[in-house]
């Protein structure tokens, strides 16, 4: 079964949940809050 990850568009770090992704953007990229709403969705085989 394929697994989907949310990838930060600023640094490329991947997360399993939107909450983890949003927290990462708030803490690591406060100058790029636009990235919170625009994660890249990648399929991991």
PDB file of N, CA and C in Angstrom:
ATOM      1  N   UNK A   1       0.838  -1.184   0.000  1.00  0.00           N
ATOM      2  CA  UNK A   1       0.000   0.000   0.000  1.00  0.00           C
ATOM      3  C   UNK A   1       0.882   1.246   0.000  1.00  0.00           C
ATOM      4  N   UNK A   2       0.534   2.210  -0.809  1.00  0.00           N
ATOM      5  CA  UNK A   2       1.305   3.442  -0.926  1.00  0.00           C
ATOM      6  C   UNK A   2       1.057   4.338   0.283  1.00  0.00           C
ATOM      7  N   UNK A   3       2.067   5.111   0.604  1.00  0.00           N
ATOM      8  CA  UNK A   3       1.999   6.042   1.724  1.00  0.00           C
ATOM      9  C   UNK A   3       2.199   7.449   1.156  1.00  0.00           C
ATOM     10  N   UNK A   4       1.410   8.397   1.613  1.00  0.00           N
ATOM     11  CA  UNK A   4       1.522   9.774   1.144  1.00  0.00           C
ATOM     12  C   UNK A   4       2.134  10.634   2.234  1.00  0.00           C
ATOM     13  N   UNK A   5       3.040  11.519   1.829  1.00  0.00           N
ATOM     14  CA  UNK A   5       3.706  12.419   2.765  1.00  0.00           C
ATOM     15  C   UNK A   5       3.500  13.860   2.317  1.00  0.00           C
ATOM     16  N   UNK A   6       3.527  14.766   3.278  1.00  0.00           N
ATOM     17  CA  UNK A   6       3.463  16.195   2.998  1.00  0.00           C
ATOM     18  C   UNK A   6       4.882  16.731   3.085  1.00  0.00           C
ATOM     19  N   UNK A   7       5.336  17.349   2.027  1.00  0.00           N
ATOM     20  CA  UNK A   7       6.714  17.815   1.949  1.00  0.00           C
ATOM     21  C   UNK A   7       6.739  19.340   2.004  1.00  0.00           C
ATOM     22  N   UNK A   8       7.603  19.877   2.838  1.00  0.00           N
ATOM     23  CA  UNK A   8       7.764  21.326   2.973  1.00  0.00           C
ATOM     24  C   UNK A   8       8.354  21.885   1.681  1.00  0.00           C
ATOM     25  N   UNK A   9       7.697  22.892   1.108  1.00  0.00           N
ATOM     26  CA  UNK A   9       8.182  23.492  -0.140  1.00  0.00           C
ATOM     27  C   UNK A   9       9.397  24.392   0.089  1.00  0.00           C
ATOM     28  N   UNK A  10       9.670  24.750   1.340  1.00  0.00           N
ATOM     29  CA  UNK A  10      10.807  25.626   1.629  1.00  0.00           C
ATOM     30  C   UNK A  10      12.099  24.821   1.762  1.00  0.00           C
ATOM     31  N   UNK A  11      12.066  23.726   2.541  1.00  0.00           N
ATOM     32  CA  UNK A  11      13.301  22.982   2.811  1.00  0.00           C
ATOM     33  C   UNK A  11      13.267  21.527   2.357  1.00  0.00           C
ATOM     34  N   UNK A  12      12.085  21.006   2.035  1.00  0.00           N
ATOM     35  CA  UNK A  12      11.995  19.642   1.534  1.00  0.00           C
ATOM     36  C   UNK A  12      11.796  18.566   2.586  1.00  0.00           C
ATOM     37  N   UNK A  13      11.687  18.926   3.848  1.00  0.00           N
ATOM     38  CA  UNK A  13      11.452  17.930   4.903  1.00  0.00           C
ATOM     39  C   UNK A  13      10.044  17.352   4.754  1.00  0.00           C
ATOM     40  N   UNK A  14       9.894  16.041   5.005  1.00  0.00           N
ATOM     41  CA  UNK A  14       8.615  15.354   4.808  1.00  0.00           C
ATOM     42  C   UNK A  14       7.946  15.024   6.143  1.00  0.00           C
ATOM     43  N   UNK A  15       6.621  15.043   6.144  1.00  0.00           N
ATOM     44  CA  UNK A  15       5.822  14.792   7.349  1.00  0.00           C
ATOM     45  C   UNK A  15       4.652  13.883   7.018  1.00  0.00           C
ATOM     46  N   UNK A  16       4.205  13.137   8.018  1.00  0.00           N
ATOM     47  CA  UNK A  16       3.094  12.209   7.838  1.00  0.00           C
ATOM     48  C   UNK A  16       1.738  12.851   8.067  1.00  0.00           C
ATOM     49  N   UNK A  17       1.688  13.998   8.738  1.00  0.00           N
ATOM     50  CA  UNK A  17       0.398  14.641   8.993  1.00  0.00           C
ATOM     51  C   UNK A  17       0.480  16.139   8.708  1.00  0.00           C
ATOM     52  N   UNK A  18      -0.672  16.712   8.406  1.00  0.00           N
ATOM     53  CA  UNK A  18      -0.734  18.144   8.144  1.00  0.00           C
ATOM     54  C   UNK A  18      -0.341  18.930   9.388  1.00  0.00           C
ATOM     55  N   UNK A  19      -0.733  18.454  10.568  1.00  0.00           N
ATOM     56  CA  UNK A  19      -0.418  19.153  11.810  1.00  0.00           C
ATOM     57  C   UNK A  19       1.092  19.263  12.010  1.00  0.00           C
ATOM     58  N   UNK A  20       1.813  18.171  11.745  1.00  0.00           N
ATOM     59  CA  UNK A  20       3.275  18.205  11.862  1.00  0.00           C
ATOM     60  C   UNK A  20       3.868  19.190  10.857  1.00  0.00           C
ATOM     61  N   UNK A  21       3.336  19.174   9.653  1.00  0.00           N
ATOM     62  CA  UNK A  21       3.824  20.078   8.612  1.00  0.00           C
ATOM     63  C   UNK A  21       3.591  21.541   9.008  1.00  0.00           C
ATOM     64  N   UNK A  22       2.387  21.866   9.464  1.00  0.00           N
ATOM     65  CA  UNK A  22       2.061  23.238   9.841  1.00  0.00           C
ATOM     66  C   UNK A  22       2.940  23.715  11.001  1.00  0.00           C
ATOM     67  N   UNK A  23       3.146  22.877  11.995  1.00  0.00           N
ATOM     68  CA  UNK A  23       3.996  23.234  13.139  1.00  0.00           C
ATOM     69  C   UNK A  23       5.434  23.496  12.675  1.00  0.00           C
ATOM     70  N   UNK A  24       5.916  22.689  11.763  1.00  0.00           N
ATOM     71  CA  UNK A  24       7.260  22.871  11.216  1.00  0.00           C
ATOM     72  C   UNK A  24       7.384  24.225  10.524  1.00  0.00           C
ATOM     73  N   UNK A  25       6.402  24.566   9.698  1.00  0.00           N
ATOM     74  CA  UNK A  25       6.455  25.846   8.979  1.00  0.00           C
ATOM     75  C   UNK A  25       6.421  27.015   9.958  1.00  0.00           C
ATOM     76  N   UNK A  26       5.557  26.954  10.962  1.00  0.00           N
ATOM     77  CA  UNK A  26       5.478  28.034  11.951  1.00  0.00           C
ATOM     78  C   UNK A  26       6.790  28.203  12.712  1.00  0.00           C
ATOM     79  N   UNK A  27       7.419  27.101  13.091  1.00  0.00           N
ATOM     80  CA  UNK A  27       8.628  27.200  13.917  1.00  0.00           C
ATOM     81  C   UNK A  27       9.907  27.422  13.116  1.00  0.00           C
ATOM     82  N   UNK A  28      10.014  26.810  11.941  1.00  0.00           N
ATOM     83  CA  UNK A  28      11.269  26.878  11.177  1.00  0.00           C
ATOM     84  C   UNK A  28      11.273  27.933  10.074  1.00  0.00           C
ATOM     85  N   UNK A  29      10.105  28.290   9.566  1.00  0.00           N
ATOM     86  CA  UNK A  29      10.032  29.222   8.430  1.00  0.00           C
ATOM     87  C   UNK A  29       9.004  30.339   8.681  1.00  0.00           C
ATOM     88  N   UNK A  30       9.157  31.130   9.739  1.00  0.00           N
ATOM     89  CA  UNK A  30       8.151  32.164  10.028  1.00  0.00           C
ATOM     90  C   UNK A  30       8.044  33.222   8.928  1.00  0.00           C
ATOM     91  N   UNK A  31       9.078  33.355   8.100  1.00  0.00           N
ATOM     92  CA  UNK A  31       9.040  34.327   7.011  1.00  0.00           C
ATOM     93  C   UNK A  31       8.296  33.795   5.789  1.00  0.00           C
ATOM     94  N   UNK A  32       7.971  32.498   5.798  1.00  0.00           N
ATOM     95  CA  UNK A  32       7.321  31.870   4.648  1.00  0.00           C
ATOM     96  C   UNK A  32       6.046  31.143   5.065  1.00  0.00           C
ATOM     97  N   UNK A  33       5.165  31.853   5.750  1.00  0.00           N
ATOM     98  CA  UNK A  33       3.936  31.216   6.237  1.00  0.00           C
ATOM     99  C   UNK A  33       3.023  30.772   5.098  1.00  0.00           C
ATOM    100  N   UNK A  34       3.209  31.284   3.899  1.00  0.00           N
ATOM    101  CA  UNK A  34       2.439  30.826   2.741  1.00  0.00           C
ATOM    102  C   UNK A  34       2.617  29.324   2.542  1.00  0.00           C
ATOM    103  N   UNK A  35       3.787  28.790   2.955  1.00  0.00           N
ATOM    104  CA  UNK A  35       4.094  27.370   2.762  1.00  0.00           C
ATOM    105  C   UNK A  35       3.213  26.475   3.631  1.00  0.00           C
ATOM    106  N   UNK A  36       2.620  27.017   4.675  1.00  0.00           N
ATOM    107  CA  UNK A  36       1.758  26.218   5.550  1.00  0.00           C
ATOM    108  C   UNK A  36       0.584  25.629   4.779  1.00  0.00           C
ATOM    109  N   UNK A  37       0.051  26.401   3.854  1.00  0.00           N
ATOM    110  CA  UNK A  37      -1.135  25.978   3.116  1.00  0.00           C
ATOM    111  C   UNK A  37      -0.804  25.334   1.773  1.00  0.00           C
ATOM    112  N   UNK A  38       0.486  25.174   1.466  1.00  0.00           N
ATOM    113  CA  UNK A  38       0.865  24.641   0.164  1.00  0.00           C
ATOM    114  C   UNK A  38       1.901  23.536   0.264  1.00  0.00           C
ATOM    115  N   UNK A  39       1.631  22.491   1.038  1.00  0.00           N
ATOM    116  CA  UNK A  39       2.612  21.397   1.081  1.00  0.00           C
ATOM    117  C   UNK A  39       2.604  20.637  -0.243  1.00  0.00           C
ATOM    118  N   UNK A  40       3.731  20.075  -0.553  1.00  0.00           N
ATOM    119  CA  UNK A  40       3.805  19.200  -1.723  1.00  0.00           C
ATOM    120  C   UNK A  40       3.418  17.807  -1.264  1.00  0.00           C
ATOM    121  N   UNK A  41       2.505  17.166  -1.944  1.00  0.00           N
ATOM    122  CA  UNK A  41       2.077  15.822  -1.570  1.00  0.00           C
ATOM    123  C   UNK A  41       2.842  14.831  -2.427  1.00  0.00           C
ATOM    124  N   UNK A  42       3.575  13.946  -1.765  1.00  0.00           N
ATOM    125  CA  UNK A  42       4.380  12.968  -2.492  1.00  0.00           C
ATOM    126  C   UNK A  42       3.955  11.559  -2.111  1.00  0.00           C
ATOM    127  N   UNK A  43       3.993  10.665  -3.080  1.00  0.00           N
ATOM    128  CA  UNK A  43       3.632   9.265  -2.865  1.00  0.00           C
ATOM    129  C   UNK A  43       4.909   8.471  -2.631  1.00  0.00           C
ATOM    130  N   UNK A  44       4.959   7.790  -1.506  1.00  0.00           N
ATOM    131  CA  UNK A  44       6.121   6.969  -1.169  1.00  0.00           C
ATOM    132  C   UNK A  44       5.746   5.518  -1.399  1.00  0.00           C
ATOM    133  N   UNK A  45       6.510   4.834  -2.187  1.00  0.00           N
ATOM    134  CA  UNK A  45       6.220   3.423  -2.502  1.00  0.00           C
ATOM    135  C   UNK A  45       6.755   2.508  -1.422  1.00  0.00           C
TER     136      UNK A  45
END
